[in-house]
Amino acid sequence: MADIIFDQPPNQINVLCDNLLIQGHDVMVDSASRRTAGSVTGFRRALVHDQKDGLTINFNGDYPGGVTINGEITFTIHHPRNPITLQHPPDEVLRLGAIINTLRAQITELQAEVAALKK
């Protein structure tokens, strides 16, 4: 059974259903009172069904504060030949950019070591 309940509590809409289908490409979330001073007005696209048939969060950087995810995180990246799963424990800051840079540096070092061993 599906239902839409208005103002329960005030200023809230509850949608009760098993699946919520939105037939559109943008889900926008905006609260003028939570924008930072000097923040550019315009789109606030939280979720976008993008042009590559993907799901994009914070499309075009519409939220200058970025994206924050609280709680335990599990990333599963499916690559045709090499699925990668990264589990992130609670209370640990994970900076993927820094991890990728470290891995690149390690690969470069290993390549140099292999080249030296071949000589």
N, C-alpha and C. Protein backbone atom coordinates (compact mmCIF):
# COMPACT_ATOMS: atom_id res chain seq x y z
N MET A 1 0.84 -1.18 0.00
CA MET A 1 0.00 0.00 0.00
C MET A 1 0.89 1.24 0.00
N ALA A 2 0.55 2.22 -0.81
CA ALA A 2 1.30 3.46 -0.89
C ALA A 2 0.44 4.61 -0.38
N ASP A 3 1.11 5.62 0.17
CA ASP A 3 0.38 6.77 0.68
C ASP A 3 1.31 7.97 0.73
N ILE A 4 0.75 9.13 0.65
CA ILE A 4 1.49 10.38 0.84
C ILE A 4 0.85 11.11 2.01
N ILE A 5 1.65 11.42 3.01
CA ILE A 5 1.15 12.08 4.22
C ILE A 5 1.78 13.47 4.30
N PHE A 6 0.96 14.50 4.35
CA PHE A 6 1.43 15.88 4.40
C PHE A 6 1.40 16.40 5.84
N ASP A 7 2.41 17.23 6.19
CA ASP A 7 2.48 17.93 7.47
C ASP A 7 2.39 17.00 8.68
N GLN A 8 3.22 15.98 8.67
CA GLN A 8 3.24 15.06 9.80
C GLN A 8 4.69 14.81 10.17
N PRO A 9 5.47 15.51 10.92
CA PRO A 9 5.18 16.77 11.60
C PRO A 9 5.09 17.93 10.59
N PRO A 10 4.82 19.14 11.08
CA PRO A 10 4.67 20.28 10.17
C PRO A 10 5.87 20.44 9.22
N ASN A 11 5.58 20.85 8.02
CA ASN A 11 6.57 21.11 6.96
C ASN A 11 7.30 19.84 6.52
N GLN A 12 6.61 18.73 6.55
CA GLN A 12 7.21 17.47 6.11
C GLN A 12 6.20 16.70 5.29
N ILE A 13 6.69 16.01 4.26
CA ILE A 13 5.87 15.13 3.46
C ILE A 13 6.47 13.73 3.57
N ASN A 14 5.67 12.76 3.95
CA ASN A 14 6.12 11.37 4.02
C ASN A 14 5.53 10.62 2.83
N VAL A 15 6.38 9.94 2.09
CA VAL A 15 5.94 9.09 0.99
C VAL A 15 6.16 7.65 1.44
N LEU A 16 5.09 6.92 1.61
CA LEU A 16 5.15 5.54 2.07
C LEU A 16 4.93 4.61 0.88
N CYS A 17 5.98 3.89 0.52
CA CYS A 17 5.88 2.97 -0.62
C CYS A 17 7.09 2.06 -0.64
N ASP A 18 7.05 1.03 -1.45
CA ASP A 18 8.19 0.13 -1.59
C ASP A 18 9.23 0.69 -2.55
N ASN A 19 8.81 1.37 -3.58
CA ASN A 19 9.71 1.95 -4.58
C ASN A 19 9.21 3.34 -4.93
N LEU A 20 10.12 4.30 -5.01
CA LEU A 20 9.77 5.66 -5.41
C LEU A 20 10.40 5.90 -6.77
N LEU A 21 9.59 6.04 -7.80
CA LEU A 21 10.08 6.28 -9.15
C LEU A 21 9.97 7.76 -9.47
N ILE A 22 11.09 8.36 -9.81
CA ILE A 22 11.10 9.75 -10.24
C ILE A 22 11.44 9.74 -11.72
N GLN A 23 10.53 10.19 -12.55
CA GLN A 23 10.78 10.20 -13.98
C GLN A 23 11.25 11.59 -14.38
N GLY A 24 12.53 11.79 -14.18
CA GLY A 24 13.18 13.05 -14.47
C GLY A 24 14.66 12.82 -14.26
N HIS A 25 15.49 13.76 -14.62
CA HIS A 25 16.93 13.51 -14.52
C HIS A 25 17.60 14.18 -13.33
N ASP A 26 16.97 15.14 -12.68
CA ASP A 26 17.61 15.84 -11.56
C ASP A 26 16.76 15.73 -10.29
N VAL A 27 17.44 15.45 -9.16
CA VAL A 27 16.83 15.59 -7.84
C VAL A 27 17.59 16.73 -7.18
N MET A 28 16.87 17.80 -6.86
CA MET A 28 17.51 18.98 -6.29
C MET A 28 17.09 19.16 -4.84
N VAL A 29 18.06 19.45 -3.99
CA VAL A 29 17.83 19.71 -2.58
C VAL A 29 18.44 21.07 -2.27
N ASP A 30 17.63 21.98 -1.76
CA ASP A 30 18.15 23.34 -1.54
C ASP A 30 17.49 23.96 -0.33
N SER A 31 18.27 24.59 0.50
CA SER A 31 17.78 25.35 1.63
C SER A 31 18.58 26.65 1.67
N ALA A 32 17.95 27.73 1.30
CA ALA A 32 18.64 29.02 1.23
C ALA A 32 19.32 29.38 2.55
N SER A 33 18.72 29.00 3.67
CA SER A 33 19.29 29.35 4.97
C SER A 33 20.57 28.57 5.28
N ARG A 34 20.83 27.49 4.55
CA ARG A 34 22.04 26.70 4.79
C ARG A 34 23.14 26.97 3.78
N ARG A 35 22.92 27.88 2.87
CA ARG A 35 23.96 28.23 1.91
C ARG A 35 25.03 29.07 2.59
N THR A 36 26.28 28.92 2.15
CA THR A 36 27.35 29.74 2.71
C THR A 36 27.25 31.16 2.16
N ALA A 37 27.78 32.11 2.92
CA ALA A 37 27.74 33.51 2.49
C ALA A 37 28.45 33.66 1.15
N GLY A 38 27.83 34.36 0.24
CA GLY A 38 28.42 34.59 -1.08
C GLY A 38 28.26 33.40 -2.02
N SER A 39 27.52 32.40 -1.59
CA SER A 39 27.31 31.22 -2.43
C SER A 39 26.51 31.59 -3.67
N VAL A 40 26.92 31.05 -4.78
CA VAL A 40 26.26 31.34 -6.05
C VAL A 40 24.88 30.68 -6.06
N THR A 41 23.89 31.45 -6.45
CA THR A 41 22.55 30.88 -6.57
C THR A 41 22.48 30.09 -7.87
N GLY A 42 21.51 29.27 -7.99
CA GLY A 42 21.35 28.46 -9.19
C GLY A 42 20.98 27.04 -8.81
N PHE A 43 21.31 26.13 -9.68
CA PHE A 43 20.94 24.74 -9.47
C PHE A 43 21.62 24.15 -8.24
N ARG A 44 20.92 23.26 -7.57
CA ARG A 44 21.45 22.46 -6.47
C ARG A 44 21.07 21.01 -6.77
N ARG A 45 21.81 20.42 -7.74
CA ARG A 45 21.49 19.07 -8.20
C ARG A 45 22.19 18.04 -7.31
N ALA A 46 21.44 17.43 -6.41
CA ALA A 46 21.98 16.45 -5.49
C ALA A 46 22.25 15.13 -6.21
N LEU A 47 21.29 14.67 -6.96
CA LEU A 47 21.42 13.44 -7.73
C LEU A 47 21.01 13.72 -9.18
N VAL A 48 21.79 13.23 -10.11
CA VAL A 48 21.49 13.44 -11.52
C VAL A 48 21.68 12.13 -12.28
N HIS A 49 20.68 11.79 -13.07
CA HIS A 49 20.84 10.71 -14.05
C HIS A 49 21.55 11.37 -15.22
N ASP A 50 22.87 11.14 -15.29
CA ASP A 50 23.70 11.92 -16.21
C ASP A 50 23.66 11.41 -17.66
N GLN A 51 24.37 12.14 -18.52
CA GLN A 51 24.37 11.88 -19.95
C GLN A 51 25.05 10.56 -20.32
N LYS A 52 25.82 9.98 -19.40
CA LYS A 52 26.49 8.71 -19.66
C LYS A 52 25.69 7.55 -19.07
N ASP A 53 24.42 7.79 -18.72
CA ASP A 53 23.53 6.81 -18.10
C ASP A 53 24.07 6.38 -16.75
N GLY A 54 24.72 7.32 -16.04
CA GLY A 54 25.24 7.07 -14.70
C GLY A 54 24.50 7.92 -13.68
N LEU A 55 24.78 7.66 -12.42
CA LEU A 55 24.22 8.46 -11.34
C LEU A 55 25.34 9.33 -10.78
N THR A 56 25.14 10.63 -10.82
CA THR A 56 26.14 11.58 -10.33
C THR A 56 25.62 12.26 -9.08
N ILE A 57 26.45 12.32 -8.05
CA ILE A 57 26.14 13.03 -6.82
C ILE A 57 26.82 14.40 -6.89
N ASN A 58 26.12 15.45 -6.48
CA ASN A 58 26.65 16.82 -6.50
C ASN A 58 27.09 17.19 -7.91
N PHE A 59 26.18 17.05 -8.85
CA PHE A 59 26.44 17.32 -10.26
C PHE A 59 27.03 18.71 -10.46
N ASN A 60 28.10 18.77 -11.21
CA ASN A 60 28.77 20.03 -11.55
C ASN A 60 29.25 20.81 -10.32
N GLY A 61 29.42 20.12 -9.18
CA GLY A 61 29.88 20.81 -7.97
C GLY A 61 28.90 21.85 -7.48
N ASP A 62 27.60 21.60 -7.68
CA ASP A 62 26.57 22.58 -7.29
C ASP A 62 26.59 22.90 -5.79
N TYR A 63 27.09 21.97 -4.97
CA TYR A 63 27.19 22.21 -3.53
C TYR A 63 28.66 22.50 -3.21
N PRO A 64 29.01 23.77 -2.99
CA PRO A 64 30.41 24.11 -2.79
C PRO A 64 31.04 23.46 -1.55
N GLY A 65 30.22 23.03 -0.60
CA GLY A 65 30.73 22.36 0.59
C GLY A 65 31.07 20.90 0.33
N GLY A 66 30.79 20.42 -0.87
CA GLY A 66 31.12 19.04 -1.22
C GLY A 66 30.08 18.05 -0.72
N VAL A 67 30.50 16.80 -0.63
CA VAL A 67 29.63 15.71 -0.20
C VAL A 67 30.23 15.09 1.06
N THR A 68 29.43 14.91 2.07
CA THR A 68 29.87 14.27 3.31
C THR A 68 29.05 13.01 3.50
N ILE A 69 29.73 11.92 3.80
CA ILE A 69 29.04 10.67 4.09
C ILE A 69 29.42 10.28 5.52
N ASN A 70 28.44 10.14 6.37
CA ASN A 70 28.67 9.74 7.76
C ASN A 70 28.34 8.26 7.91
N GLY A 71 29.12 7.56 8.70
CA GLY A 71 28.86 6.15 8.94
C GLY A 71 29.81 5.27 8.16
N GLU A 72 29.64 3.97 8.33
CA GLU A 72 30.51 3.01 7.65
C GLU A 72 30.23 3.04 6.15
N ILE A 73 31.29 2.93 5.37
CA ILE A 73 31.17 3.02 3.91
C ILE A 73 31.78 1.78 3.28
N THR A 74 31.10 1.22 2.32
CA THR A 74 31.65 0.13 1.52
C THR A 74 31.55 0.53 0.07
N PHE A 75 32.69 0.58 -0.61
CA PHE A 75 32.73 0.86 -2.04
C PHE A 75 32.96 -0.46 -2.76
N THR A 76 32.19 -0.74 -3.76
CA THR A 76 32.46 -1.89 -4.62
C THR A 76 32.57 -1.36 -6.04
N ILE A 77 33.74 -1.53 -6.62
CA ILE A 77 33.98 -1.05 -7.97
C ILE A 77 34.07 -2.28 -8.86
N HIS A 78 33.15 -2.40 -9.78
CA HIS A 78 33.13 -3.57 -10.66
C HIS A 78 33.87 -3.24 -11.95
N HIS A 79 34.94 -3.90 -12.14
CA HIS A 79 35.71 -3.81 -13.38
C HIS A 79 35.58 -5.18 -14.03
N PRO A 80 35.44 -5.25 -15.34
CA PRO A 80 35.20 -6.54 -15.99
C PRO A 80 36.19 -7.63 -15.58
N ARG A 81 37.45 -7.28 -15.34
CA ARG A 81 38.45 -8.29 -15.00
C ARG A 81 38.92 -8.23 -13.56
N ASN A 82 38.58 -7.17 -12.84
CA ASN A 82 39.18 -6.99 -11.53
C ASN A 82 38.23 -6.25 -10.58
N PRO A 83 37.28 -6.96 -9.94
CA PRO A 83 36.42 -6.25 -8.99
C PRO A 83 37.22 -5.82 -7.76
N ILE A 84 37.00 -4.62 -7.29
CA ILE A 84 37.72 -4.07 -6.14
C ILE A 84 36.68 -3.71 -5.08
N THR A 85 36.90 -4.15 -3.86
CA THR A 85 36.04 -3.76 -2.75
C THR A 85 36.89 -3.06 -1.71
N LEU A 86 36.44 -1.89 -1.28
CA LEU A 86 37.14 -1.12 -0.27
C LEU A 86 36.19 -0.90 0.89
N GLN A 87 36.49 -1.43 2.05
CA GLN A 87 35.65 -1.20 3.22
C GLN A 87 36.33 -0.18 4.11
N HIS A 88 35.56 0.77 4.54
CA HIS A 88 36.06 1.89 5.33
C HIS A 88 35.51 1.81 6.75
N PRO A 89 36.37 1.62 7.75
CA PRO A 89 35.86 1.51 9.13
C PRO A 89 35.37 2.86 9.66
N PRO A 90 34.49 2.82 10.65
CA PRO A 90 34.00 4.08 11.24
C PRO A 90 35.13 4.88 11.88
N ASP A 91 34.94 6.16 11.98
CA ASP A 91 35.85 7.08 12.66
C ASP A 91 37.24 7.14 12.03
N GLU A 92 37.35 6.85 10.76
CA GLU A 92 38.63 6.95 10.06
C GLU A 92 38.42 7.82 8.83
N VAL A 93 39.27 8.81 8.65
CA VAL A 93 39.17 9.68 7.48
C VAL A 93 39.90 9.01 6.33
N LEU A 94 39.20 8.88 5.23
CA LEU A 94 39.76 8.23 4.06
C LEU A 94 39.84 9.25 2.93
N ARG A 95 41.03 9.52 2.46
CA ARG A 95 41.22 10.48 1.37
C ARG A 95 41.71 9.71 0.15
N LEU A 96 40.76 9.41 -0.75
CA LEU A 96 41.08 8.57 -1.90
C LEU A 96 42.16 9.19 -2.78
N GLY A 97 42.14 10.50 -2.94
CA GLY A 97 43.16 11.16 -3.75
C GLY A 97 44.55 10.90 -3.22
N ALA A 98 44.70 11.00 -1.90
CA ALA A 98 46.01 10.75 -1.27
C ALA A 98 46.41 9.29 -1.42
N ILE A 99 45.46 8.39 -1.28
CA ILE A 99 45.76 6.96 -1.44
C ILE A 99 46.20 6.67 -2.87
N ILE A 100 45.51 7.23 -3.84
CA ILE A 100 45.87 7.02 -5.24
C ILE A 100 47.26 7.57 -5.53
N ASN A 101 47.57 8.74 -5.01
CA ASN A 101 48.90 9.33 -5.21
C ASN A 101 49.98 8.45 -4.60
N THR A 102 49.73 7.92 -3.41
CA THR A 102 50.69 7.03 -2.76
C THR A 102 50.90 5.77 -3.59
N LEU A 103 49.81 5.19 -4.08
CA LEU A 103 49.91 3.99 -4.91
C LEU A 103 50.68 4.26 -6.20
N ARG A 104 50.45 5.41 -6.80
CA ARG A 104 51.19 5.76 -8.03
C ARG A 104 52.69 5.87 -7.75
N ALA A 105 53.03 6.49 -6.62
CA ALA A 105 54.45 6.62 -6.25
C ALA A 105 55.06 5.25 -6.01
N GLN A 106 54.33 4.37 -5.34
CA GLN A 106 54.83 3.02 -5.09
C GLN A 106 55.01 2.25 -6.40
N ILE A 107 54.10 2.40 -7.33
CA ILE A 107 54.22 1.74 -8.63
C ILE A 107 55.46 2.23 -9.36
N THR A 108 55.69 3.54 -9.32
CA THR A 108 56.88 4.11 -9.97
C THR A 108 58.16 3.55 -9.35
N GLU A 109 58.19 3.47 -8.02
CA GLU A 109 59.36 2.90 -7.33
C GLU A 109 59.57 1.43 -7.71
N LEU A 110 58.49 0.67 -7.75
CA LEU A 110 58.60 -0.74 -8.11
C LEU A 110 59.06 -0.92 -9.55
N GLN A 111 58.58 -0.08 -10.43
CA GLN A 111 59.02 -0.15 -11.82
C GLN A 111 60.52 0.12 -11.92
N ALA A 112 61.00 1.09 -11.15
CA ALA A 112 62.44 1.40 -11.15
C ALA A 112 63.23 0.23 -10.59
N GLU A 113 62.75 -0.40 -9.52
CA GLU A 113 63.43 -1.57 -8.95
C GLU A 113 63.47 -2.73 -9.92
N VAL A 114 62.37 -2.98 -10.62
CA VAL A 114 62.34 -4.06 -11.61
C VAL A 114 63.31 -3.77 -12.74
N ALA A 115 63.34 -2.53 -13.19
CA ALA A 115 64.27 -2.15 -14.27
C ALA A 115 65.71 -2.36 -13.81
N ALA A 116 66.02 -1.99 -12.55
CA ALA A 116 67.37 -2.18 -12.01
C ALA A 116 67.72 -3.66 -11.90
N LEU A 117 66.77 -4.50 -11.51
CA LEU A 117 67.01 -5.94 -11.40
C LEU A 117 67.25 -6.57 -12.77
N LYS A 118 66.62 -6.05 -13.79
CA LYS A 118 66.80 -6.59 -15.15
C LYS A 118 68.21 -6.33 -15.66
N LYS A 119 68.86 -5.27 -15.16
CA LYS A 119 70.20 -4.93 -15.59
C LYS A 119 71.15 -5.88 -14.94
